Amino acid sequence: MNNPGFMGTKPVLPLVFSMSIPMVISMLVNSLYNIVDSFYVAAISEEAMTALSLVFPVQNLIHSAAVGFGVGVNAAIAYYSGAGEKENADNAASSGMLLSIIHSIVLTLISILIMPSFLAMFTASPVIIDYGVRYAYVAFAFTPINLAAITFEKIFQAEGRMKVSMVALMTGCVTNIILDPLLIFGIGFFPEMGIEGAALATGIGQSAAFVIYLFVAVKRPLQVKIKPGCIRLRSDAVRKLYAVGVPATLNIALPSILVSALNAILSMYSGVYILILGIYYKLQTFLYLPASGFVQGMRPIIGYNYGAGEMKRVKEIYSAVLVMCVLIMLLGTLLSLLIPSALISLFTSNPETIMKGATALRVISMGFVISSFSVAASGALEGLGKGIPSLVISLLRYIILIIPLSYVLSRFSSLGAEGVWHSFWISETVAAIVSVLLLHAALRKS
């Protein structure tokens, strides 16, 4: 699969599966890592788990910047490859890597500087703040390596080499899972590092993924070239990278802003609700990351076929991915309705937290299936290079609708804190309707 031309000729359904299944597998492993990581941190104390929940938005914001800009690089390479513009594809890859390194340095410095004051915005507990700062300082030190690895991931995906991404991501996740208990609890000859051990395990896992990408790039070189001689930071080329990269970054970063806003609303009631929200976001990765695997598989092939002018294939590819997303979300809905208490009890033994968490899962899950339309449409729009409509969908899902609804339903209705949970499915319903309209409008204009 070194020649990306297969993306324009292979039958749609086998193509979607061959591109997506490796990413779904790696996303599922990544979901498992998130659960295991939180499970071990929760074993330290409930305060440590709360600290992890509070650090998560900033950690996710950094990850969002890397993945979002990587999506811009991915879309540009796929489009230029489909249009047969090799020189522009090389420039997109090389310039994208350079800009990603610059982003990583800036984000590392900012995130380390703001962390103590950021945590103090949401808790007055010195124990939770201490846990959060200790975890964040170690985890954020690996930001440059992580961002470089993510950029490599998107470049390999743009060429259709999804198995390389799968191996690298799985290597990183498995490394993390193995090291978590060893470094947190000091098993064998490993030092007992507590919450810093969880952060170090994460960083080492990210480094392992980066090493895999470097090794494969040397042994089986990419079709696009990543070297200084291919860097031409022309305004039009850079603008194309950011035209998709900035909206994609915001798309992925908006959940972090949402979590911080909801934490502020829920803190007016009880810290239990903040913990429940953190647990929910760990559990929902089992749904949205596999769905993201199909979206990641879809982006380069939609971009390639769009560049080649094959609009019929573009529509068929989107439809196939939408069906897969619906099936994944349906499974998540059933689990949330049937065994919510068992899912919450993976992270806490507190009866009150389990009871209130089960209620939250049942209510929020009402919007899972309908969210498939927004997830698939947003990814398709990014593949088409239309970042702004994709951003509009995410703004509706994560800012414009859900935050005001959460505040109003929790403060001015009999629901109380549970009003926050109802705001999820209401927002997803409205956003899904708008997303279908935006995608159809984009396809009509193409």
Protein backbone atom coordinates (compact mmCIF):
# COMPACT_ATOMS: atom_id res chain seq x y z
CA MET A 1 0.00 0.00 0.00
CA ASN A 2 2.90 2.39 -0.49
CA ASN A 3 1.17 3.82 -3.57
CA PRO A 4 -1.90 5.78 -2.41
CA GLY A 5 -3.57 5.30 -5.83
CA PHE A 6 -5.51 2.32 -4.46
CA MET A 7 -7.72 4.84 -2.60
CA GLY A 8 -9.28 5.84 -5.90
CA THR A 9 -9.81 2.37 -7.37
CA LYS A 10 -10.53 -0.18 -4.62
CA PRO A 11 -14.26 -0.97 -4.02
CA VAL A 12 -15.68 1.34 -1.36
CA LEU A 13 -16.71 -1.04 1.42
CA PRO A 14 -13.48 -3.12 1.42
CA LEU A 15 -11.54 0.15 1.15
CA VAL A 16 -13.30 1.68 4.17
CA PHE A 17 -12.69 -1.44 6.24
CA SER A 18 -9.05 -1.82 5.20
CA MET A 19 -8.38 1.81 6.11
CA SER A 20 -10.52 1.93 9.25
CA ILE A 21 -10.22 -1.41 11.04
CA PRO A 22 -6.52 -0.93 11.94
CA MET A 23 -7.46 2.45 13.42
CA VAL A 24 -10.50 1.03 15.24
CA ILE A 25 -8.30 -1.65 16.80
CA SER A 26 -5.73 0.91 17.90
CA MET A 27 -8.48 3.20 19.22
CA LEU A 28 -9.97 0.33 21.24
CA VAL A 29 -6.57 -0.41 22.72
CA ASN A 30 -6.21 3.29 23.46
CA SER A 31 -9.61 3.21 25.17
CA LEU A 32 -8.42 0.29 27.27
CA TYR A 33 -5.32 2.27 28.18
CA ASN A 34 -7.47 5.20 29.37
CA ILE A 35 -9.56 2.89 31.51
CA VAL A 36 -6.56 1.03 32.97
CA ASP A 37 -4.66 4.26 33.60
CA SER A 38 -7.62 5.71 35.50
CA PHE A 39 -8.18 2.43 37.34
CA TYR A 40 -4.64 2.47 38.75
CA VAL A 41 -4.77 6.18 39.61
CA ALA A 42 -8.12 5.64 41.37
CA ALA A 43 -6.37 2.97 43.46
CA ILE A 44 -4.10 5.70 44.86
CA SER A 45 -7.06 7.71 46.17
CA GLU A 46 -10.28 9.37 45.06
CA GLU A 47 -8.43 12.70 45.31
CA ALA A 48 -5.86 11.46 42.79
CA MET A 49 -8.63 10.45 40.40
CA THR A 50 -10.28 13.86 40.80
CA ALA A 51 -6.93 15.53 40.06
CA LEU A 52 -6.59 13.47 36.90
CA SER A 53 -10.10 14.58 35.85
CA LEU A 54 -9.15 18.23 36.37
CA VAL A 55 -5.86 17.95 34.45
CA PHE A 56 -7.61 16.13 31.60
CA PRO A 57 -8.94 19.27 29.83
CA VAL A 58 -5.47 20.81 29.48
CA GLN A 59 -3.93 17.47 28.53
CA ASN A 60 -6.66 16.99 25.94
CA LEU A 61 -6.18 20.54 24.66
CA ILE A 62 -2.53 19.80 23.87
CA HIS A 63 -3.49 16.52 22.21
CA SER A 64 -6.19 18.36 20.27
CA ALA A 65 -3.71 20.88 18.90
CA ALA A 66 -1.48 18.06 17.67
CA VAL A 67 -4.22 15.93 16.16
CA GLY A 68 -6.07 18.91 14.70
CA PHE A 69 -3.04 20.28 12.91
CA GLY A 70 -2.17 16.72 11.87
CA VAL A 71 -5.62 16.46 10.27
CA GLY A 72 -4.76 19.58 8.27
CA VAL A 73 -1.50 17.99 7.13
CA ASN A 74 -3.32 14.74 6.38
CA ALA A 75 -6.01 16.46 4.29
CA ALA A 76 -3.47 18.48 2.31
CA ILE A 77 -1.29 15.46 1.50
CA ALA A 78 -4.30 13.33 0.51
CA TYR A 79 -5.73 16.07 -1.71
CA TYR A 80 -2.43 16.80 -3.46
CA SER A 81 -1.78 13.07 -3.93
CA GLY A 82 -5.21 12.60 -5.51
CA ALA A 83 -4.56 15.58 -7.80
CA GLY A 84 -1.09 14.23 -8.73
CA GLU A 85 0.80 17.22 -7.23
CA LYS A 86 3.82 15.44 -5.69
CA GLU A 87 5.86 18.57 -4.92
CA ASN A 88 3.02 20.16 -2.99
CA ALA A 89 2.44 16.93 -1.06
CA ASP A 90 6.13 16.87 -0.03
CA ASN A 91 5.91 20.47 1.08
CA ALA A 92 2.79 19.77 3.15
CA ALA A 93 4.52 16.89 4.96
CA SER A 94 7.82 18.69 5.61
CA SER A 95 6.34 22.05 6.56
CA GLY A 96 3.74 20.32 8.69
CA MET A 97 6.40 18.53 10.73
CA LEU A 98 8.37 21.74 11.30
CA LEU A 99 5.30 23.69 12.40
CA SER A 100 4.25 20.83 14.69
CA ILE A 101 7.60 20.97 16.49
CA ILE A 102 7.20 24.73 16.98
CA HIS A 103 3.68 24.19 18.37
CA SER A 104 4.97 21.58 20.82
CA ILE A 105 7.57 23.89 22.35
CA VAL A 106 5.06 26.70 22.87
CA LEU A 107 2.38 24.40 24.31
CA THR A 108 4.82 22.72 26.72
CA LEU A 109 5.89 26.03 28.24
CA ILE A 110 2.36 27.42 28.52
CA SER A 111 0.80 24.30 30.03
CA ILE A 112 3.47 23.94 32.71
CA LEU A 113 3.20 27.61 33.69
CA ILE A 114 -0.59 27.75 34.02
CA MET A 115 -1.23 24.43 35.77
CA PRO A 116 -1.18 25.49 39.47
CA SER A 117 -3.55 28.43 38.91
CA PHE A 118 -5.71 26.38 36.53
CA LEU A 119 -6.30 23.68 39.15
CA ALA A 120 -7.04 26.27 41.82
CA MET A 121 -9.97 27.49 39.71
CA PHE A 122 -11.84 24.23 40.34
CA THR A 123 -10.80 23.05 43.78
CA ALA A 124 -9.58 24.47 47.07
CA SER A 125 -8.16 21.10 48.16
CA PRO A 126 -4.35 21.34 48.49
CA VAL A 127 -4.14 17.54 48.15
CA ILE A 128 -5.92 17.53 44.77
CA ILE A 129 -3.88 20.50 43.52
CA ASP A 130 -0.65 18.80 44.58
CA TYR A 131 -1.61 15.58 42.80
CA GLY A 132 -2.58 17.49 39.67
CA VAL A 133 0.62 19.55 39.51
CA ARG A 134 2.85 16.53 40.08
CA TYR A 135 1.10 14.55 37.35
CA ALA A 136 1.01 17.43 34.87
CA TYR A 137 4.67 18.44 35.13
CA VAL A 138 5.88 14.97 34.21
CA ALA A 139 3.26 14.31 31.52
CA PHE A 140 3.73 17.66 29.77
CA ALA A 141 7.50 17.21 29.56
CA PHE A 142 6.87 14.64 26.80
CA THR A 143 4.76 17.02 24.67
CA PRO A 144 7.37 17.56 21.89
CA ILE A 145 7.83 13.81 21.36
CA ASN A 146 4.08 13.21 21.45
CA LEU A 147 3.29 15.95 18.91
CA ALA A 148 5.98 14.71 16.51
CA ALA A 149 4.57 11.17 16.78
CA ILE A 150 1.04 12.39 16.06
CA THR A 151 2.21 14.30 12.98
CA PHE A 152 3.95 11.15 11.72
CA GLU A 153 0.72 9.24 12.36
CA LYS A 154 -1.31 11.58 10.15
CA ILE A 155 1.30 11.53 7.38
CA PHE A 156 1.34 7.72 7.30
CA GLN A 157 -2.47 7.73 7.28
CA ALA A 158 -2.53 10.17 4.34
CA GLU A 159 -0.72 7.51 2.30
CA GLY A 160 -3.14 4.80 3.41
CA ARG A 161 -0.55 3.08 5.64
CA MET A 162 -2.97 2.61 8.50
CA LYS A 163 -1.29 -0.55 9.82
CA VAL A 164 1.82 1.45 10.67
CA SER A 165 -0.31 3.80 12.76
CA MET A 166 -2.01 0.82 14.38
CA VAL A 167 1.28 -0.82 15.38
CA ALA A 168 2.73 2.45 16.70
CA LEU A 169 -0.37 3.38 18.69
CA MET A 170 -0.77 -0.11 20.11
CA THR A 171 2.91 -0.26 21.06
CA GLY A 172 2.55 3.01 22.93
CA CYS A 173 -0.64 1.94 24.69
CA VAL A 174 0.60 -1.51 25.68
CA THR A 175 3.85 0.00 26.97
CA ASN A 176 1.82 2.42 29.05
CA ILE A 177 -0.48 -0.29 30.42
CA ILE A 178 2.46 -2.47 31.45
CA LEU A 179 4.39 0.36 33.08
CA ASP A 180 1.44 1.89 34.97
CA PRO A 181 1.33 -0.51 37.95
CA LEU A 182 5.11 -0.96 37.95
CA LEU A 183 5.84 2.75 38.24
CA ILE A 184 2.82 3.77 40.36
CA PHE A 185 3.18 1.10 43.04
CA GLY A 186 6.89 0.27 42.75
CA ILE A 187 6.59 -3.40 41.77
CA GLY A 188 9.86 -5.35 41.57
CA PHE A 189 12.92 -3.16 41.05
CA PHE A 190 10.81 -0.19 39.87
CA PRO A 191 10.57 2.81 42.23
CA GLU A 192 7.21 3.65 43.82
CA MET A 193 6.35 6.97 42.15
CA GLY A 194 2.63 7.30 42.77
CA ILE A 195 0.80 9.66 40.41
CA GLU A 196 4.10 10.75 38.82
CA GLY A 197 4.55 7.10 37.79
CA ALA A 198 1.27 7.24 35.86
CA ALA A 199 2.50 10.34 34.02
CA LEU A 200 5.92 8.81 33.29
CA ALA A 201 4.30 5.63 31.95
CA THR A 202 2.24 7.79 29.58
CA GLY A 203 5.32 9.67 28.39
CA ILE A 204 7.34 6.50 27.80
CA GLY A 205 4.42 5.03 25.85
CA GLN A 206 4.30 8.12 23.63
CA SER A 207 8.05 7.85 23.06
CA ALA A 208 7.69 4.19 22.07
CA ALA A 209 5.15 5.13 19.38
CA PHE A 210 7.50 7.82 18.05
CA VAL A 211 10.35 5.30 17.78
CA ILE A 212 8.12 2.96 15.74
CA TYR A 213 7.30 5.72 13.25
CA LEU A 214 10.96 6.64 12.88
CA PHE A 215 12.00 3.02 12.38
CA VAL A 216 9.38 2.36 9.69
CA ALA A 217 10.12 5.67 7.94
CA VAL A 218 13.76 4.58 7.60
CA LYS A 219 13.10 0.96 6.61
CA ARG A 220 10.13 1.60 4.30
CA PRO A 221 10.30 5.28 3.31
CA LEU A 222 7.18 7.37 2.87
CA GLN A 223 6.09 8.40 -0.62
CA VAL A 224 6.11 12.02 0.55
CA LYS A 225 9.45 13.47 1.60
CA ILE A 226 10.07 14.95 5.04
CA LYS A 227 13.30 16.93 4.83
CA PRO A 228 14.45 20.57 5.10
CA GLY A 229 14.83 20.92 1.33
CA CYS A 230 11.10 20.33 0.85
CA ILE A 231 10.06 23.08 3.29
CA ARG A 232 8.56 26.10 1.55
CA LEU A 233 6.51 28.16 3.97
CA ARG A 234 4.57 29.96 1.25
CA SER A 235 1.49 31.78 2.49
CA ASP A 236 -0.86 29.69 0.32
CA ALA A 237 0.66 26.39 1.46
CA VAL A 238 0.64 27.33 5.14
CA ARG A 239 -2.89 28.69 4.82
CA LYS A 240 -4.08 25.35 3.42
CA LEU A 241 -2.59 23.49 6.40
CA TYR A 242 -4.22 25.81 8.93
CA ALA A 243 -7.51 26.14 7.02
CA VAL A 244 -8.33 22.59 8.09
CA GLY A 245 -5.88 22.31 11.00
CA VAL A 246 -7.20 25.21 13.08
CA PRO A 247 -10.90 24.22 12.86
CA ALA A 248 -9.93 20.57 13.44
CA THR A 249 -7.91 21.59 16.50
CA LEU A 250 -10.86 23.54 17.84
CA ASN A 251 -13.15 20.60 17.08
CA ILE A 252 -11.04 18.32 19.24
CA ALA A 253 -10.25 20.96 21.87
CA LEU A 254 -13.84 22.02 22.45
CA PRO A 255 -14.63 18.99 24.66
CA SER A 256 -11.86 20.18 27.00
CA ILE A 257 -13.47 23.60 27.23
CA LEU A 258 -16.81 21.89 27.78
CA VAL A 259 -15.44 19.73 30.61
CA SER A 260 -14.00 22.79 32.36
CA ALA A 261 -17.31 24.67 32.00
CA LEU A 262 -19.34 21.71 33.25
CA ASN A 263 -16.92 21.21 36.15
CA ALA A 264 -17.58 24.83 37.15
CA ILE A 265 -21.37 24.25 37.00
CA LEU A 266 -21.23 20.93 38.85
CA SER A 267 -18.90 22.29 41.54
CA MET A 268 -21.84 24.37 42.81
CA TYR A 269 -23.47 21.09 43.90
CA SER A 270 -20.87 18.52 44.92
CA GLY A 271 -17.41 17.23 44.03
CA VAL A 272 -19.10 13.87 43.42
CA TYR A 273 -20.56 15.21 40.18
CA ILE A 274 -17.14 16.37 38.98
CA LEU A 275 -15.83 12.87 39.59
CA ILE A 276 -18.80 11.36 37.73
CA LEU A 277 -18.18 13.63 34.75
CA GLY A 278 -14.52 12.55 34.71
CA ILE A 279 -15.52 8.88 34.86
CA TYR A 280 -18.03 9.37 32.03
CA TYR A 281 -15.37 10.85 29.77
CA LYS A 282 -13.13 7.88 30.47
CA LEU A 283 -15.94 5.44 29.62
CA GLN A 284 -17.14 7.25 26.49
CA THR A 285 -13.73 6.84 24.90
CA PHE A 286 -14.74 3.21 24.30
CA LEU A 287 -17.38 4.57 21.92
CA TYR A 288 -16.01 7.73 20.41
CA LEU A 289 -12.46 6.51 19.85
CA PRO A 290 -13.55 3.45 17.79
CA ALA A 291 -15.93 5.74 15.87
CA SER A 292 -12.97 8.07 15.45
CA GLY A 293 -11.08 5.12 13.98
CA PHE A 294 -13.61 4.93 11.13
CA VAL A 295 -13.49 8.71 10.71
CA GLN A 296 -9.69 8.63 10.55
CA GLY A 297 -9.89 5.91 7.92
CA MET A 298 -12.43 7.96 5.99
CA ARG A 299 -10.58 11.30 5.88
CA PRO A 300 -7.69 10.44 3.54
CA ILE A 301 -9.82 8.43 1.11
CA ILE A 302 -12.46 11.16 0.93
CA GLY A 303 -9.70 13.74 0.44
CA TYR A 304 -8.02 11.64 -2.26
CA ASN A 305 -11.25 11.01 -4.17
CA TYR A 306 -12.30 14.65 -3.79
CA GLY A 307 -8.96 15.72 -5.25
CA ALA A 308 -9.54 13.27 -8.12
CA GLY A 309 -13.08 14.58 -8.72
CA GLU A 310 -14.81 11.29 -7.77
CA MET A 311 -17.83 12.71 -5.93
CA LYS A 312 -19.92 9.55 -6.19
CA ARG A 313 -17.26 7.62 -4.28
CA VAL A 314 -17.05 10.43 -1.73
CA LYS A 315 -20.77 10.02 -0.91
CA GLU A 316 -20.51 6.21 -0.76
CA ILE A 317 -17.53 6.39 1.60
CA TYR A 318 -19.38 8.75 3.95
CA SER A 319 -22.50 6.54 4.00
CA ALA A 320 -20.46 3.43 4.87
CA VAL A 321 -18.72 5.19 7.77
CA LEU A 322 -22.00 6.61 9.08
CA VAL A 323 -23.48 3.11 9.35
CA MET A 324 -20.42 1.89 11.28
CA CYS A 325 -20.65 4.81 13.71
CA VAL A 326 -24.35 4.15 14.33
CA LEU A 327 -23.64 0.48 15.17
CA ILE A 328 -20.87 1.42 17.61
CA MET A 329 -23.06 3.99 19.37
CA LEU A 330 -25.98 1.58 19.56
CA LEU A 331 -23.79 -0.90 21.43
CA GLY A 332 -22.72 1.85 23.83
CA THR A 333 -26.34 2.82 24.46
CA LEU A 334 -27.30 -0.74 25.35
CA LEU A 335 -24.39 -1.13 27.78
CA SER A 336 -25.15 2.20 29.45
CA LEU A 337 -28.79 1.24 29.95
CA LEU A 338 -28.18 -2.35 31.08
CA ILE A 339 -25.09 -2.19 33.33
CA PRO A 340 -24.41 1.47 34.25
CA SER A 341 -23.60 0.74 37.91
CA ALA A 342 -21.05 -1.90 36.96
CA LEU A 343 -19.32 0.55 34.62
CA ILE A 344 -19.13 3.33 37.23
CA SER A 345 -17.90 0.92 39.92
CA LEU A 346 -14.75 0.31 37.87
CA PHE A 347 -13.50 3.65 39.19
CA THR A 348 -15.03 4.03 42.65
CA SER A 349 -16.51 2.00 45.47
CA ASN A 350 -18.48 4.93 46.90
CA PRO A 351 -22.20 3.91 46.82
CA GLU A 352 -23.38 7.50 46.32
CA THR A 353 -21.03 8.04 43.36
CA ILE A 354 -22.09 4.73 41.79
CA MET A 355 -25.80 5.51 42.14
CA LYS A 356 -25.58 9.05 40.77
CA GLY A 357 -23.12 7.97 38.07
CA ALA A 358 -25.48 5.24 36.86
CA THR A 359 -28.23 7.84 36.48
CA ALA A 360 -25.87 10.07 34.51
CA LEU A 361 -24.94 7.26 32.09
CA ARG A 362 -28.57 6.34 31.44
CA VAL A 363 -29.52 9.92 30.61
CA ILE A 364 -26.45 10.85 28.54
CA SER A 365 -26.67 7.64 26.49
CA MET A 366 -29.95 8.86 24.99
CA GLY A 367 -27.84 10.97 22.63
CA PHE A 368 -25.23 8.40 21.60
CA VAL A 369 -26.82 7.11 18.38
CA ILE A 370 -27.93 10.52 17.13
CA SER A 371 -24.39 11.85 17.69
CA SER A 372 -23.18 9.46 14.94
CA PHE A 373 -24.48 11.88 12.31
CA SER A 374 -22.44 14.77 13.72
CA VAL A 375 -19.28 12.67 14.15
CA ALA A 376 -19.37 11.25 10.61
CA ALA A 377 -20.37 14.53 8.93
CA SER A 378 -17.67 16.50 10.75
CA GLY A 379 -14.99 14.03 9.66
CA ALA A 380 -16.23 14.02 6.07
CA LEU A 381 -16.15 17.82 5.92
CA GLU A 382 -12.55 17.82 7.19
CA GLY A 383 -11.65 15.27 4.51
CA LEU A 384 -13.14 17.62 1.92
CA GLY A 385 -10.95 20.41 3.26
CA LYS A 386 -13.98 22.31 4.59
CA GLY A 387 -12.88 23.06 8.12
CA ILE A 388 -15.31 25.86 8.97
CA PRO A 389 -18.57 23.85 8.56
CA SER A 390 -16.98 21.07 10.61
CA LEU A 391 -16.14 23.62 13.30
CA VAL A 392 -19.73 24.88 13.33
CA ILE A 393 -20.93 21.35 14.14
CA SER A 394 -18.50 21.05 17.04
CA LEU A 395 -19.37 24.50 18.37
CA LEU A 396 -23.01 23.45 18.49
CA ARG A 397 -22.20 20.18 20.26
CA TYR A 398 -19.71 21.49 22.79
CA ILE A 399 -20.30 25.21 23.38
CA ILE A 400 -23.29 26.98 21.87
CA LEU A 401 -25.99 24.53 22.97
CA ILE A 402 -24.77 22.35 25.79
CA ILE A 403 -23.19 24.90 28.15
CA PRO A 404 -26.18 27.30 28.32
CA LEU A 405 -28.55 24.31 28.51
CA SER A 406 -26.54 22.77 31.35
CA TYR A 407 -26.65 25.98 33.33
CA VAL A 408 -30.36 26.62 32.76
CA LEU A 409 -31.52 23.04 33.37
CA SER A 410 -29.40 22.66 36.50
CA ARG A 411 -30.20 26.06 38.04
CA PHE A 412 -33.75 26.82 36.94
CA SER A 413 -35.48 23.44 36.93
CA SER A 414 -36.24 20.70 39.40
CA LEU A 415 -33.52 18.52 37.86
CA GLY A 416 -30.65 20.14 39.74
CA ALA A 417 -27.24 18.74 38.78
CA GLU A 418 -28.96 16.07 36.67
CA GLY A 419 -29.97 18.83 34.28
CA VAL A 420 -26.37 18.78 33.04
CA TRP A 421 -26.80 15.18 31.91
CA HIS A 422 -30.02 15.99 29.98
CA SER A 423 -28.27 18.80 28.14
CA PHE A 424 -26.07 16.20 26.40
CA TRP A 425 -28.80 14.40 24.44
CA ILE A 426 -30.72 17.59 23.65
CA SER A 427 -27.59 19.23 22.20
CA GLU A 428 -26.69 16.13 20.18
CA THR A 429 -30.15 16.05 18.59
CA VAL A 430 -30.01 19.65 17.37
CA ALA A 431 -26.36 19.35 16.24
CA ALA A 432 -27.13 16.18 14.25
CA ILE A 433 -29.85 17.94 12.25
CA VAL A 434 -27.55 20.86 11.45
CA SER A 435 -24.63 18.57 10.54
CA VAL A 436 -26.66 16.68 7.93
CA LEU A 437 -27.75 19.97 6.36
CA LEU A 438 -24.18 21.34 6.29
CA LEU A 439 -22.74 18.21 4.70
CA HIS A 440 -25.43 18.06 2.01
CA ALA A 441 -24.84 21.74 1.21
CA ALA A 442 -21.07 21.14 0.91
CA LEU A 443 -21.56 18.15 -1.40
CA ARG A 444 -23.97 20.06 -3.63
CA LYS A 445 -21.41 22.85 -4.11
CA SER A 446 -18.56 20.42 -4.91
